[in-house]
Amino acid sequence: MRKVYLIVFGAVLVAAACKSKQRLPEGILPRQQMQEIIWDLTSAGEFLNGFVFSRNLNMDKLPMNEKWYEKVYS
């Protein structure tokens, strides 16, 4: 009998955990907008690593990173 209770309890937990929630909490970006931001950040990082930093080895990278990432965030 105890196994039956455990199985039923487990099934209820699984059903509650798998409940679909389509609504995003407040303050969370939609998926499409987040993908666009991640793409912009990745593109800025690749540009810096592939073109800017490879040509200027003695450059201070932190200010340049901040400059380009600020362009993405604005």
PDB file of N, CA and C in Angstrom:
ATOM      1  N   MET A   1       0.820  -1.191   0.000  1.00  0.00           N
ATOM      2  CA  MET A   1       0.000   0.000   0.000  1.00  0.00           C
ATOM      3  C   MET A   1       0.874   1.268   0.000  1.00  0.00           C
ATOM      4  N   ARG A   2       1.995   1.182   0.690  1.00  0.00           N
ATOM      5  CA  ARG A   2       2.892   2.324   0.760  1.00  0.00           C
ATOM      6  C   ARG A   2       3.464   2.654  -0.619  1.00  0.00           C
ATOM      7  N   LYS A   3       3.745   1.623  -1.422  1.00  0.00           N
ATOM      8  CA  LYS A   3       4.254   1.845  -2.774  1.00  0.00           C
ATOM      9  C   LYS A   3       3.230   2.586  -3.631  1.00  0.00           C
ATOM     10  N   VAL A   4       1.968   2.258  -3.446  1.00  0.00           N
ATOM     11  CA  VAL A   4       0.912   2.913  -4.217  1.00  0.00           C
ATOM     12  C   VAL A   4       0.883   4.404  -3.890  1.00  0.00           C
ATOM     13  N   TYR A   5       0.981   4.741  -2.604  1.00  0.00           N
ATOM     14  CA  TYR A   5       0.999   6.146  -2.203  1.00  0.00           C
ATOM     15  C   TYR A   5       2.211   6.876  -2.790  1.00  0.00           C
ATOM     16  N   LEU A   6       3.361   6.221  -2.770  1.00  0.00           N
ATOM     17  CA  LEU A   6       4.562   6.836  -3.324  1.00  0.00           C
ATOM     18  C   LEU A   6       4.444   7.048  -4.831  1.00  0.00           C
ATOM     19  N   ILE A   7       3.873   6.079  -5.518  1.00  0.00           N
ATOM     20  CA  ILE A   7       3.693   6.202  -6.964  1.00  0.00           C
ATOM     21  C   ILE A   7       2.719   7.329  -7.291  1.00  0.00           C
ATOM     22  N   VAL A   8       1.621   7.400  -6.562  1.00  0.00           N
ATOM     23  CA  VAL A   8       0.634   8.461  -6.792  1.00  0.00           C
ATOM     24  C   VAL A   8       1.253   9.825  -6.474  1.00  0.00           C
ATOM     25  N   PHE A   9       1.972   9.899  -5.361  1.00  0.00           N
ATOM     26  CA  PHE A   9       2.625  11.147  -4.977  1.00  0.00           C
ATOM     27  C   PHE A   9       3.647  11.570  -6.036  1.00  0.00           C
ATOM     28  N   GLY A  10       4.427  10.621  -6.524  1.00  0.00           N
ATOM     29  CA  GLY A  10       5.407  10.907  -7.573  1.00  0.00           C
ATOM     30  C   GLY A  10       4.738  11.371  -8.854  1.00  0.00           C
ATOM     31  N   ALA A  11       3.631  10.744  -9.219  1.00  0.00           N
ATOM     32  CA  ALA A  11       2.910  11.131 -10.429  1.00  0.00           C
ATOM     33  C   ALA A  11       2.360  12.549 -10.307  1.00  0.00           C
ATOM     34  N   VAL A  12       1.872  12.890  -9.131  1.00  0.00           N
ATOM     35  CA  VAL A  12       1.361  14.246  -8.908  1.00  0.00           C
ATOM     36  C   VAL A  12       2.499  15.265  -9.010  1.00  0.00           C
ATOM     37  N   LEU A  13       3.652  14.935  -8.445  1.00  0.00           N
ATOM     38  CA  LEU A  13       4.799  15.841  -8.532  1.00  0.00           C
ATOM     39  C   LEU A  13       5.244  16.042  -9.977  1.00  0.00           C
ATOM     40  N   VAL A  14       5.317  14.969 -10.725  1.00  0.00           N
ATOM     41  CA  VAL A  14       5.730  15.060 -12.128  1.00  0.00           C
ATOM     42  C   VAL A  14       4.719  15.882 -12.923  1.00  0.00           C
ATOM     43  N   ALA A  15       3.439  15.651 -12.690  1.00  0.00           N
ATOM     44  CA  ALA A  15       2.410  16.403 -13.406  1.00  0.00           C
ATOM     45  C   ALA A  15       2.482  17.889 -13.074  1.00  0.00           C
ATOM     46  N   ALA A  16       2.735  18.206 -11.818  1.00  0.00           N
ATOM     47  CA  ALA A  16       2.832  19.617 -11.420  1.00  0.00           C
ATOM     48  C   ALA A  16       4.091  20.261 -11.992  1.00  0.00           C
ATOM     49  N   ALA A  17       5.182  19.512 -12.042  1.00  0.00           N
ATOM     50  CA  ALA A  17       6.441  20.059 -12.545  1.00  0.00           C
ATOM     51  C   ALA A  17       6.405  20.260 -14.056  1.00  0.00           C
ATOM     52  N   CYS A  18       5.659  19.451 -14.757  1.00  0.00           N
ATOM     53  CA  CYS A  18       5.617  19.524 -16.216  1.00  0.00           C
ATOM     54  C   CYS A  18       4.527  20.455 -16.735  1.00  0.00           C
ATOM     55  N   LYS A  19       3.853  21.135 -15.855  1.00  0.00           N
ATOM     56  CA  LYS A  19       2.786  22.036 -16.264  1.00  0.00           C
ATOM     57  C   LYS A  19       3.370  23.133 -17.148  1.00  0.00           C
ATOM     58  N   SER A  20       2.792  23.327 -18.302  1.00  0.00           N
ATOM     59  CA  SER A  20       3.298  24.298 -19.269  1.00  0.00           C
ATOM     60  C   SER A  20       2.944  25.716 -18.826  1.00  0.00           C
ATOM     61  N   LYS A  21       3.957  26.570 -18.800  1.00  0.00           N
ATOM     62  CA  LYS A  21       3.757  27.975 -18.457  1.00  0.00           C
ATOM     63  C   LYS A  21       4.230  28.800 -19.649  1.00  0.00           C
ATOM     64  N   GLN A  22       3.304  29.307 -20.434  1.00  0.00           N
ATOM     65  CA  GLN A  22       3.644  30.069 -21.622  1.00  0.00           C
ATOM     66  C   GLN A  22       3.974  31.521 -21.300  1.00  0.00           C
ATOM     67  N   ARG A  23       3.480  32.026 -20.196  1.00  0.00           N
ATOM     68  CA  ARG A  23       3.663  33.425 -19.848  1.00  0.00           C
ATOM     69  C   ARG A  23       5.033  33.639 -19.215  1.00  0.00           C
ATOM     70  N   LEU A  24       5.750  34.648 -19.690  1.00  0.00           N
ATOM     71  CA  LEU A  24       7.055  34.982 -19.126  1.00  0.00           C
ATOM     72  C   LEU A  24       6.872  35.876 -17.905  1.00  0.00           C
ATOM     73  N   PRO A  25       7.719  35.706 -16.908  1.00  0.00           N
ATOM     74  CA  PRO A  25       7.670  36.615 -15.764  1.00  0.00           C
ATOM     75  C   PRO A  25       8.022  38.038 -16.198  1.00  0.00           C
ATOM     76  N   GLU A  26       7.581  39.000 -15.429  1.00  0.00           N
ATOM     77  CA  GLU A  26       7.848  40.399 -15.740  1.00  0.00           C
ATOM     78  C   GLU A  26       9.353  40.673 -15.686  1.00  0.00           C
ATOM     79  N   GLY A  27       9.843  41.410 -16.650  1.00  0.00           N
ATOM     80  CA  GLY A  27      11.257  41.755 -16.679  1.00  0.00           C
ATOM     81  C   GLY A  27      12.116  40.797 -17.493  1.00  0.00           C
ATOM     82  N   ILE A  28      11.538  39.726 -18.027  1.00  0.00           N
ATOM     83  CA  ILE A  28      12.264  38.759 -18.852  1.00  0.00           C
ATOM     84  C   ILE A  28      12.017  39.096 -20.319  1.00  0.00           C
ATOM     85  N   LEU A  29      13.090  39.179 -21.086  1.00  0.00           N
ATOM     86  CA  LEU A  29      12.955  39.492 -22.506  1.00  0.00           C
ATOM     87  C   LEU A  29      12.354  38.317 -23.266  1.00  0.00           C
ATOM     88  N   PRO A  30      11.570  38.602 -24.299  1.00  0.00           N
ATOM     89  CA  PRO A  30      11.069  37.521 -25.155  1.00  0.00           C
ATOM     90  C   PRO A  30      12.226  36.816 -25.860  1.00  0.00           C
ATOM     91  N   ARG A  31      11.988  35.592 -26.274  1.00  0.00           N
ATOM     92  CA  ARG A  31      13.029  34.759 -26.877  1.00  0.00           C
ATOM     93  C   ARG A  31      13.671  35.429 -28.095  1.00  0.00           C
ATOM     94  N   GLN A  32      12.867  35.978 -28.995  1.00  0.00           N
ATOM     95  CA  GLN A  32      13.395  36.586 -30.218  1.00  0.00           C
ATOM     96  C   GLN A  32      14.296  37.773 -29.895  1.00  0.00           C
ATOM     97  N   GLN A  33      13.876  38.601 -28.963  1.00  0.00           N
ATOM     98  CA  GLN A  33      14.678  39.769 -28.593  1.00  0.00           C
ATOM     99  C   GLN A  33      15.986  39.341 -27.927  1.00  0.00           C
ATOM    100  N   MET A  34      15.935  38.307 -27.105  1.00  0.00           N
ATOM    101  CA  MET A  34      17.148  37.810 -26.452  1.00  0.00           C
ATOM    102  C   MET A  34      18.115  37.236 -27.492  1.00  0.00           C
ATOM    103  N   GLN A  35      17.595  36.530 -28.496  1.00  0.00           N
ATOM    104  CA  GLN A  35      18.451  35.986 -29.546  1.00  0.00           C
ATOM    105  C   GLN A  35      19.156  37.099 -30.315  1.00  0.00           C
ATOM    106  N   GLU A  36      18.448  38.184 -30.580  1.00  0.00           N
ATOM    107  CA  GLU A  36      19.054  39.304 -31.294  1.00  0.00           C
ATOM    108  C   GLU A  36      20.162  39.953 -30.465  1.00  0.00           C
ATOM    109  N   ILE A  37      19.952  40.087 -29.178  1.00  0.00           N
ATOM    110  CA  ILE A  37      20.963  40.689 -28.307  1.00  0.00           C
ATOM    111  C   ILE A  37      22.192  39.793 -28.221  1.00  0.00           C
ATOM    112  N   ILE A  38      21.976  38.494 -28.048  1.00  0.00           N
ATOM    113  CA  ILE A  38      23.100  37.557 -27.977  1.00  0.00           C
ATOM    114  C   ILE A  38      23.881  37.572 -29.291  1.00  0.00           C
ATOM    115  N   TRP A  39      23.176  37.645 -30.415  1.00  0.00           N
ATOM    116  CA  TRP A  39      23.846  37.707 -31.718  1.00  0.00           C
ATOM    117  C   TRP A  39      24.699  38.970 -31.822  1.00  0.00           C
ATOM    118  N   ASP A  40      24.160  40.104 -31.393  1.00  0.00           N
ATOM    119  CA  ASP A  40      24.920  41.356 -31.442  1.00  0.00           C
ATOM    120  C   ASP A  40      26.154  41.291 -30.548  1.00  0.00           C
ATOM    121  N   LEU A  41      26.021  40.736 -29.349  1.00  0.00           N
ATOM    122  CA  LEU A  41      27.162  40.608 -28.441  1.00  0.00           C
ATOM    123  C   LEU A  41      28.230  39.689 -29.027  1.00  0.00           C
ATOM    124  N   THR A  42      27.801  38.581 -29.608  1.00  0.00           N
ATOM    125  CA  THR A  42      28.739  37.642 -30.219  1.00  0.00           C
ATOM    126  C   THR A  42      29.452  38.286 -31.405  1.00  0.00           C
ATOM    127  N   SER A  43      28.708  39.009 -32.219  1.00  0.00           N
ATOM    128  CA  SER A  43      29.308  39.680 -33.378  1.00  0.00           C
ATOM    129  C   SER A  43      30.328  40.724 -32.946  1.00  0.00           C
ATOM    130  N   ALA A  44      30.009  41.490 -31.909  1.00  0.00           N
ATOM    131  CA  ALA A  44      30.949  42.499 -31.412  1.00  0.00           C
ATOM    132  C   ALA A  44      32.217  41.829 -30.885  1.00  0.00           C
ATOM    133  N   GLY A  45      32.071  40.740 -30.153  1.00  0.00           N
ATOM    134  CA  GLY A  45      33.232  40.024 -29.626  1.00  0.00           C
ATOM    135  C   GLY A  45      34.093  39.439 -30.724  1.00  0.00           C
ATOM    136  N   GLU A  46      33.475  38.868 -31.736  1.00  0.00           N
ATOM    137  CA  GLU A  46      34.228  38.307 -32.855  1.00  0.00           C
ATOM    138  C   GLU A  46      34.943  39.400 -33.646  1.00  0.00           C
ATOM    139  N   PHE A  47      34.288  40.537 -33.824  1.00  0.00           N
ATOM    140  CA  PHE A  47      34.928  41.653 -34.518  1.00  0.00           C
ATOM    141  C   PHE A  47      36.165  42.112 -33.756  1.00  0.00           C
ATOM    142  N   LEU A  48      36.018  42.266 -32.445  1.00  0.00           N
ATOM    143  CA  LEU A  48      37.155  42.716 -31.637  1.00  0.00           C
ATOM    144  C   LEU A  48      38.299  41.709 -31.692  1.00  0.00           C
ATOM    145  N   ASN A  49      37.992  40.441 -31.502  1.00  0.00           N
ATOM    146  CA  ASN A  49      39.038  39.414 -31.478  1.00  0.00           C
ATOM    147  C   ASN A  49      39.664  39.184 -32.851  1.00  0.00           C
ATOM    148  N   GLY A  50      38.860  39.221 -33.895  1.00  0.00           N
ATOM    149  CA  GLY A  50      39.361  38.896 -35.222  1.00  0.00           C
ATOM    150  C   GLY A  50      40.043  40.033 -35.948  1.00  0.00           C
ATOM    151  N   PHE A  51      39.611  41.265 -35.705  1.00  0.00           N
ATOM    152  CA  PHE A  51      40.127  42.382 -36.486  1.00  0.00           C
ATOM    153  C   PHE A  51      40.871  43.419 -35.650  1.00  0.00           C
ATOM    154  N   VAL A  52      40.323  43.799 -34.533  1.00  0.00           N
ATOM    155  CA  VAL A  52      40.915  44.897 -33.764  1.00  0.00           C
ATOM    156  C   VAL A  52      42.109  44.420 -32.958  1.00  0.00           C
ATOM    157  N   PHE A  53      41.918  43.404 -32.129  1.00  0.00           N
ATOM    158  CA  PHE A  53      42.989  42.966 -31.237  1.00  0.00           C
ATOM    159  C   PHE A  53      44.107  42.235 -31.974  1.00  0.00           C
ATOM    160  N   SER A  54      43.795  41.573 -33.074  1.00  0.00           N
ATOM    161  CA  SER A  54      44.837  40.852 -33.813  1.00  0.00           C
ATOM    162  C   SER A  54      45.789  41.812 -34.530  1.00  0.00           C
ATOM    163  N   ARG A  55      45.328  43.009 -34.836  1.00  0.00           N
ATOM    164  CA  ARG A  55      46.174  43.991 -35.522  1.00  0.00           C
ATOM    165  C   ARG A  55      46.904  44.911 -34.544  1.00  0.00           C
ATOM    166  N   ASN A  56      46.390  45.049 -33.338  1.00  0.00           N
ATOM    167  CA  ASN A  56      46.970  45.945 -32.336  1.00  0.00           C
ATOM    168  C   ASN A  56      47.261  45.144 -31.074  1.00  0.00           C
ATOM    169  N   LEU A  57      48.390  44.463 -31.048  1.00  0.00           N
ATOM    170  CA  LEU A  57      48.698  43.562 -29.937  1.00  0.00           C
ATOM    171  C   LEU A  57      48.984  44.291 -28.634  1.00  0.00           C
ATOM    172  N   ASN A  58      49.440  45.524 -28.685  1.00  0.00           N
ATOM    173  CA  ASN A  58      49.775  46.268 -27.476  1.00  0.00           C
ATOM    174  C   ASN A  58      48.610  47.092 -26.941  1.00  0.00           C
ATOM    175  N   MET A  59      47.457  46.984 -27.562  1.00  0.00           N
ATOM    176  CA  MET A  59      46.294  47.773 -27.176  1.00  0.00           C
ATOM    177  C   MET A  59      45.735  47.300 -25.833  1.00  0.00           C
ATOM    178  N   ASP A  60      45.246  48.251 -25.031  1.00  0.00           N
ATOM    179  CA  ASP A  60      44.551  47.910 -23.793  1.00  0.00           C
ATOM    180  C   ASP A  60      43.147  47.433 -24.172  1.00  0.00           C
ATOM    181  N   LYS A  61      42.864  46.177 -23.941  1.00  0.00           N
ATOM    182  CA  LYS A  61      41.638  45.561 -24.441  1.00  0.00           C
ATOM    183  C   LYS A  61      40.388  45.961 -23.667  1.00  0.00           C
ATOM    184  N   LEU A  62      40.500  46.229 -22.395  1.00  0.00           N
ATOM    185  CA  LEU A  62      39.319  46.511 -21.583  1.00  0.00           C
ATOM    186  C   LEU A  62      38.552  47.751 -22.050  1.00  0.00           C
ATOM    187  N   PRO A  63      39.197  48.893 -22.260  1.00  0.00           N
ATOM    188  CA  PRO A  63      38.430  50.054 -22.739  1.00  0.00           C
ATOM    189  C   PRO A  63      37.795  49.821 -24.113  1.00  0.00           C
ATOM    190  N   MET A  64      38.494  49.101 -24.976  1.00  0.00           N
ATOM    191  CA  MET A  64      37.943  48.827 -26.301  1.00  0.00           C
ATOM    192  C   MET A  64      36.729  47.903 -26.195  1.00  0.00           C
ATOM    193  N   ASN A  65      36.813  46.883 -25.333  1.00  0.00           N
ATOM    194  CA  ASN A  65      35.664  46.009 -25.093  1.00  0.00           C
ATOM    195  C   ASN A  65      34.481  46.811 -24.592  1.00  0.00           C
ATOM    196  N   GLU A  66      34.711  47.664 -23.617  1.00  0.00           N
ATOM    197  CA  GLU A  66      33.625  48.466 -23.047  1.00  0.00           C
ATOM    198  C   GLU A  66      32.987  49.359 -24.110  1.00  0.00           C
ATOM    199  N   LYS A  67      33.809  49.943 -24.958  1.00  0.00           N
ATOM    200  CA  LYS A  67      33.302  50.826 -26.012  1.00  0.00           C
ATOM    201  C   LYS A  67      32.370  50.073 -26.961  1.00  0.00           C
ATOM    202  N   TRP A  68      32.801  48.912 -27.436  1.00  0.00           N
ATOM    203  CA  TRP A  68      32.000  48.171 -28.409  1.00  0.00           C
ATOM    204  C   TRP A  68      30.770  47.530 -27.787  1.00  0.00           C
ATOM    205  N   TYR A  69      30.895  47.008 -26.581  1.00  0.00           N
ATOM    206  CA  TYR A  69      29.725  46.414 -25.938  1.00  0.00           C
ATOM    207  C   TYR A  69      28.713  47.477 -25.536  1.00  0.00           C
ATOM    208  N   GLU A  70      29.174  48.680 -25.235  1.00  0.00           N
ATOM    209  CA  GLU A  70      28.249  49.775 -24.933  1.00  0.00           C
ATOM    210  C   GLU A  70      27.413  50.117 -26.163  1.00  0.00           C
ATOM    211  N   LYS A  71      28.003  49.992 -27.351  1.00  0.00           N
ATOM    212  CA  LYS A  71      27.245  50.219 -28.585  1.00  0.00           C
ATOM    213  C   LYS A  71      26.121  49.199 -28.726  1.00  0.00           C
ATOM    214  N   VAL A  72      26.366  47.977 -28.296  1.00  0.00           N
ATOM    215  CA  VAL A  72      25.334  46.941 -28.380  1.00  0.00           C
ATOM    216  C   VAL A  72      24.205  47.248 -27.404  1.00  0.00           C
ATOM    217  N   TYR A  73      24.556  47.675 -26.197  1.00  0.00           N
ATOM    218  CA  TYR A  73      23.542  47.905 -25.164  1.00  0.00           C
ATOM    219  C   TYR A  73      22.737  49.173 -25.398  1.00  0.00           C
ATOM    220  N   SER A  74      23.253  50.114 -26.174  1.00  0.00           N
ATOM    221  CA  SER A  74      22.509  51.365 -26.373  1.00  0.00           C
ATOM    222  C   SER A  74      21.568  51.287 -27.552  1.00  0.00           C
TER     223      SER A  74
END
